N, C-alpha and C. Protein backbone atom coordinates (compact mmCIF):
# COMPACT_ATOMS: atom_id res chain seq x y z
N MET A 1 -4.42 4.74 -12.38
CA MET A 1 -4.72 5.28 -11.04
C MET A 1 -5.01 4.13 -10.07
N THR A 2 -5.76 3.15 -10.53
CA THR A 2 -6.10 2.02 -9.65
C THR A 2 -4.84 1.32 -9.17
N ALA A 3 -3.87 1.17 -10.08
CA ALA A 3 -2.61 0.50 -9.71
C ALA A 3 -1.90 1.28 -8.61
N PHE A 4 -1.93 2.62 -8.73
CA PHE A 4 -1.27 3.45 -7.72
C PHE A 4 -1.90 3.25 -6.35
N ILE A 5 -3.22 3.21 -6.31
CA ILE A 5 -3.94 3.02 -5.04
C ILE A 5 -3.60 1.65 -4.46
N HIS A 6 -3.55 0.64 -5.34
CA HIS A 6 -3.24 -0.71 -4.87
C HIS A 6 -1.84 -0.76 -4.28
N LEU A 7 -0.90 -0.10 -4.94
CA LEU A 7 0.49 -0.08 -4.46
C LEU A 7 0.56 0.66 -3.12
N SER A 8 -0.14 1.79 -3.04
CA SER A 8 -0.12 2.57 -1.79
C SER A 8 -0.69 1.75 -0.64
N SER A 9 -1.74 0.99 -0.93
CA SER A 9 -2.37 0.17 0.11
C SER A 9 -1.37 -0.89 0.59
N ARG A 10 -0.64 -1.47 -0.35
CA ARG A 10 0.33 -2.50 0.01
C ARG A 10 1.43 -1.91 0.88
N VAL A 11 1.88 -0.72 0.54
CA VAL A 11 2.94 -0.05 1.31
C VAL A 11 2.43 0.24 2.72
N THR A 12 1.18 0.69 2.82
CA THR A 12 0.61 1.00 4.14
C THR A 12 0.56 -0.25 5.01
N ILE A 13 0.17 -1.37 4.41
CA ILE A 13 0.10 -2.63 5.16
C ILE A 13 1.49 -3.02 5.66
N LEU A 14 2.49 -2.85 4.80
CA LEU A 14 3.87 -3.18 5.19
C LEU A 14 4.31 -2.30 6.34
N CYS A 15 3.98 -1.01 6.28
CA CYS A 15 4.37 -0.07 7.34
C CYS A 15 3.69 -0.47 8.65
N LEU A 16 2.42 -0.86 8.58
CA LEU A 16 1.69 -1.24 9.79
C LEU A 16 2.29 -2.50 10.40
N ARG A 17 2.79 -3.38 9.53
CA ARG A 17 3.39 -4.62 10.00
C ARG A 17 4.59 -4.30 10.88
N PHE A 18 5.38 -3.32 10.45
CA PHE A 18 6.57 -2.93 11.22
C PHE A 18 6.15 -1.99 12.35
């Protein structure tokens, strides 16, 4: 579960970058 949250956070950061 922790890995999923970490991945989701990374995706959110990438989306915010764009």
